[in-house]
Amino acid sequence: MSLERALSPLPPDSNGKRIPSLEKNYTEVFRVPPSPTNLEPAARERLLRDNVEPMLMREINHRGLSTPEGGYSSKLLAWLEVI
């Protein structure tokens, strides 16, 4: 049995579309001062369930990290809101 680990920054906008420029430069968000959240908890939950989880599944399949027979396990390590 082979075990592979991968970390994938997947920044969606508030409509659930990926933001490629932020994917490539995600470390930049750690260089700006914090600001108040922009999403209500229910909206954050919907974004995660309806957009981020399917986005992650597509990314895992695209990168060949899972097969129909093999399966995978995922964990959300961090949630950052960029305004």
N, C-alpha and C. Protein backbone atom coordinates (compact mmCIF):
# COMPACT_ATOMS: atom_id res chain seq x y z
N MET A 1 0.84 -1.18 0.00
CA MET A 1 0.00 0.00 0.00
C MET A 1 0.88 1.24 0.00
N SER A 2 0.60 2.16 -0.89
CA SER A 2 1.37 3.39 -1.03
C SER A 2 0.62 4.54 -0.36
N LEU A 3 1.35 5.38 0.35
CA LEU A 3 0.77 6.54 1.00
C LEU A 3 1.46 7.78 0.49
N GLU A 4 0.70 8.72 -0.03
CA GLU A 4 1.25 9.97 -0.52
C GLU A 4 0.51 11.12 0.15
N ARG A 5 1.25 12.14 0.52
CA ARG A 5 0.64 13.31 1.14
C ARG A 5 0.84 14.51 0.24
N ALA A 6 -0.16 15.36 0.20
CA ALA A 6 -0.08 16.56 -0.63
C ALA A 6 -0.81 17.69 0.07
N LEU A 7 -0.30 18.88 -0.10
CA LEU A 7 -0.93 20.08 0.42
C LEU A 7 -1.36 20.92 -0.78
N SER A 8 -2.63 21.27 -0.83
CA SER A 8 -3.16 21.99 -1.98
C SER A 8 -3.88 23.26 -1.56
N PRO A 9 -3.29 24.43 -1.83
CA PRO A 9 -4.03 25.66 -1.59
C PRO A 9 -5.12 25.78 -2.66
N LEU A 10 -6.36 25.92 -2.25
CA LEU A 10 -7.49 26.01 -3.18
C LEU A 10 -8.33 27.24 -2.84
N PRO A 11 -7.90 28.41 -3.27
CA PRO A 11 -8.66 29.62 -2.93
C PRO A 11 -9.84 29.87 -3.87
N PRO A 12 -11.05 29.80 -3.34
CA PRO A 12 -12.22 30.19 -4.15
C PRO A 12 -12.63 31.63 -3.82
N ASP A 13 -13.30 32.28 -4.77
CA ASP A 13 -13.90 33.56 -4.44
C ASP A 13 -15.23 33.29 -3.74
N SER A 14 -15.98 34.33 -3.41
CA SER A 14 -17.22 34.13 -2.65
C SER A 14 -18.29 33.40 -3.46
N ASN A 15 -18.09 33.29 -4.78
CA ASN A 15 -19.02 32.53 -5.62
C ASN A 15 -18.54 31.11 -5.88
N GLY A 16 -17.39 30.75 -5.32
CA GLY A 16 -16.88 29.39 -5.47
C GLY A 16 -15.95 29.17 -6.63
N LYS A 17 -15.62 30.22 -7.41
CA LYS A 17 -14.68 30.07 -8.52
C LYS A 17 -13.25 30.11 -7.99
N ARG A 18 -12.40 29.24 -8.56
CA ARG A 18 -10.99 29.24 -8.18
C ARG A 18 -10.33 30.55 -8.57
N ILE A 19 -9.32 30.93 -7.79
CA ILE A 19 -8.54 32.14 -8.05
C ILE A 19 -7.10 31.70 -8.33
N PRO A 20 -6.77 31.43 -9.61
CA PRO A 20 -5.44 30.91 -9.94
C PRO A 20 -4.28 31.79 -9.48
N SER A 21 -4.44 33.12 -9.56
CA SER A 21 -3.34 34.00 -9.15
C SER A 21 -3.04 33.83 -7.66
N LEU A 22 -4.07 33.62 -6.85
CA LEU A 22 -3.87 33.42 -5.42
C LEU A 22 -3.33 32.02 -5.14
N GLU A 23 -3.70 31.04 -5.94
CA GLU A 23 -3.15 29.69 -5.79
C GLU A 23 -1.63 29.73 -5.97
N LYS A 24 -1.17 30.50 -6.95
CA LYS A 24 0.27 30.56 -7.24
C LYS A 24 1.03 31.40 -6.22
N ASN A 25 0.36 32.37 -5.61
CA ASN A 25 1.02 33.30 -4.69
C ASN A 25 0.39 33.28 -3.30
N TYR A 26 -0.07 32.12 -2.85
CA TYR A 26 -0.81 32.05 -1.59
C TYR A 26 0.00 32.52 -0.39
N THR A 27 1.32 32.43 -0.43
CA THR A 27 2.11 32.86 0.72
C THR A 27 2.02 34.37 0.97
N GLU A 28 1.60 35.12 -0.06
CA GLU A 28 1.46 36.57 0.09
C GLU A 28 0.41 36.94 1.14
N VAL A 29 -0.61 36.10 1.35
CA VAL A 29 -1.65 36.44 2.32
C VAL A 29 -1.11 36.51 3.74
N PHE A 30 0.06 35.91 3.99
CA PHE A 30 0.64 35.95 5.32
C PHE A 30 1.41 37.24 5.56
N ARG A 31 1.53 38.07 4.54
CA ARG A 31 2.29 39.32 4.65
C ARG A 31 1.39 40.55 4.82
N VAL A 32 0.09 40.37 4.84
CA VAL A 32 -0.82 41.51 4.99
C VAL A 32 -1.44 41.48 6.39
N PRO A 33 -1.81 42.65 6.91
CA PRO A 33 -2.41 42.67 8.25
C PRO A 33 -3.79 42.01 8.25
N PRO A 34 -4.18 41.43 9.37
CA PRO A 34 -5.50 40.79 9.46
C PRO A 34 -6.62 41.82 9.39
N SER A 35 -7.78 41.36 8.96
CA SER A 35 -8.96 42.20 8.92
C SER A 35 -10.16 41.37 9.36
N PRO A 36 -11.28 42.01 9.65
CA PRO A 36 -12.46 41.27 10.10
C PRO A 36 -12.98 40.33 9.00
N THR A 37 -13.66 39.28 9.44
CA THR A 37 -14.24 38.33 8.50
C THR A 37 -15.31 38.99 7.65
N ASN A 38 -15.50 38.44 6.46
CA ASN A 38 -16.47 39.00 5.52
C ASN A 38 -17.65 38.06 5.31
N LEU A 39 -17.57 36.84 5.82
CA LEU A 39 -18.62 35.84 5.61
C LEU A 39 -19.31 35.45 6.90
N GLU A 40 -20.61 35.28 6.82
CA GLU A 40 -21.36 34.73 7.95
C GLU A 40 -21.05 33.24 8.05
N PRO A 41 -21.17 32.64 9.23
CA PRO A 41 -20.88 31.21 9.38
C PRO A 41 -21.65 30.31 8.41
N ALA A 42 -22.92 30.60 8.16
CA ALA A 42 -23.72 29.77 7.24
C ALA A 42 -23.18 29.87 5.81
N ALA A 43 -22.76 31.05 5.39
CA ALA A 43 -22.19 31.24 4.05
C ALA A 43 -20.85 30.52 3.94
N ARG A 44 -20.06 30.56 4.99
CA ARG A 44 -18.78 29.87 5.02
C ARG A 44 -18.99 28.36 4.89
N GLU A 45 -19.97 27.83 5.61
CA GLU A 45 -20.28 26.41 5.54
C GLU A 45 -20.73 26.00 4.14
N ARG A 46 -21.60 26.82 3.53
CA ARG A 46 -22.06 26.53 2.15
C ARG A 46 -20.90 26.54 1.16
N LEU A 47 -20.01 27.53 1.29
CA LEU A 47 -18.86 27.63 0.40
C LEU A 47 -17.99 26.39 0.53
N LEU A 48 -17.76 25.94 1.75
CA LEU A 48 -16.96 24.74 1.97
C LEU A 48 -17.65 23.51 1.37
N ARG A 49 -18.90 23.31 1.69
CA ARG A 49 -19.64 22.11 1.26
C ARG A 49 -19.88 22.09 -0.25
N ASP A 50 -20.32 23.22 -0.80
CA ASP A 50 -20.75 23.25 -2.20
C ASP A 50 -19.62 23.53 -3.19
N ASN A 51 -18.53 24.12 -2.72
CA ASN A 51 -17.47 24.51 -3.65
C ASN A 51 -16.10 23.93 -3.32
N VAL A 52 -15.65 24.13 -2.08
CA VAL A 52 -14.28 23.72 -1.75
C VAL A 52 -14.14 22.19 -1.74
N GLU A 53 -15.08 21.48 -1.14
CA GLU A 53 -14.97 20.01 -1.12
C GLU A 53 -14.98 19.41 -2.53
N PRO A 54 -15.91 19.81 -3.42
CA PRO A 54 -15.84 19.28 -4.79
C PRO A 54 -14.57 19.71 -5.53
N MET A 55 -14.11 20.94 -5.25
CA MET A 55 -12.87 21.44 -5.87
C MET A 55 -11.69 20.56 -5.45
N LEU A 56 -11.66 20.20 -4.17
CA LEU A 56 -10.59 19.34 -3.67
C LEU A 56 -10.66 17.96 -4.32
N MET A 57 -11.85 17.41 -4.45
CA MET A 57 -12.00 16.10 -5.09
C MET A 57 -11.48 16.13 -6.52
N ARG A 58 -11.84 17.18 -7.27
CA ARG A 58 -11.34 17.31 -8.66
C ARG A 58 -9.83 17.43 -8.68
N GLU A 59 -9.26 18.20 -7.76
CA GLU A 59 -7.81 18.38 -7.70
C GLU A 59 -7.11 17.06 -7.39
N ILE A 60 -7.63 16.30 -6.46
CA ILE A 60 -7.05 15.00 -6.10
C ILE A 60 -7.07 14.07 -7.30
N ASN A 61 -8.19 14.01 -8.00
CA ASN A 61 -8.29 13.15 -9.18
C ASN A 61 -7.37 13.64 -10.30
N HIS A 62 -7.34 14.96 -10.52
CA HIS A 62 -6.50 15.54 -11.58
C HIS A 62 -5.02 15.24 -11.35
N ARG A 63 -4.59 15.32 -10.11
CA ARG A 63 -3.18 15.07 -9.78
C ARG A 63 -2.86 13.58 -9.67
N GLY A 64 -3.87 12.74 -9.85
CA GLY A 64 -3.63 11.29 -9.79
C GLY A 64 -3.33 10.78 -8.40
N LEU A 65 -3.82 11.48 -7.38
CA LEU A 65 -3.55 11.08 -6.00
C LEU A 65 -4.54 10.05 -5.49
N SER A 66 -5.57 9.77 -6.27
CA SER A 66 -6.57 8.78 -5.88
C SER A 66 -7.03 8.03 -7.11
N THR A 67 -7.44 6.80 -6.89
CA THR A 67 -8.02 5.99 -7.95
C THR A 67 -9.39 5.53 -7.47
N PRO A 68 -10.26 5.13 -8.38
CA PRO A 68 -11.57 4.63 -7.94
C PRO A 68 -11.47 3.47 -6.95
N GLU A 69 -10.43 2.65 -7.09
CA GLU A 69 -10.26 1.52 -6.17
C GLU A 69 -9.58 1.92 -4.86
N GLY A 70 -8.80 3.00 -4.90
CA GLY A 70 -7.96 3.34 -3.77
C GLY A 70 -8.59 4.24 -2.73
N GLY A 71 -9.28 5.26 -3.17
CA GLY A 71 -9.86 6.20 -2.22
C GLY A 71 -8.83 7.17 -1.68
N TYR A 72 -9.27 8.05 -0.78
CA TYR A 72 -8.39 9.04 -0.18
C TYR A 72 -9.01 9.56 1.11
N SER A 73 -8.21 10.27 1.85
CA SER A 73 -8.66 10.93 3.07
C SER A 73 -8.18 12.37 2.98
N SER A 74 -9.01 13.32 3.42
CA SER A 74 -8.58 14.72 3.36
C SER A 74 -8.95 15.41 4.67
N LYS A 75 -8.16 16.44 4.99
CA LYS A 75 -8.41 17.26 6.18
C LYS A 75 -8.19 18.72 5.81
N LEU A 76 -9.07 19.56 6.29
CA LEU A 76 -8.90 21.00 6.12
C LEU A 76 -7.90 21.47 7.18
N LEU A 77 -6.77 21.99 6.72
CA LEU A 77 -5.73 22.41 7.66
C LEU A 77 -5.87 23.86 8.08
N ALA A 78 -6.39 24.68 7.18
CA ALA A 78 -6.52 26.10 7.50
C ALA A 78 -7.61 26.73 6.66
N TRP A 79 -8.20 27.78 7.20
CA TRP A 79 -9.22 28.55 6.47
C TRP A 79 -8.80 30.00 6.62
N LEU A 80 -8.47 30.65 5.51
CA LEU A 80 -8.11 32.06 5.51
C LEU A 80 -9.07 32.80 4.61
N GLU A 81 -9.57 33.91 5.06
CA GLU A 81 -10.43 34.75 4.23
C GLU A 81 -9.63 35.96 3.80
N VAL A 82 -9.55 36.14 2.48
CA VAL A 82 -8.80 37.25 1.92
C VAL A 82 -9.79 38.23 1.33
N ILE A 83 -9.70 39.47 1.76
CA ILE A 83 -10.64 40.49 1.30
C ILE A 83 -10.00 41.32 0.21
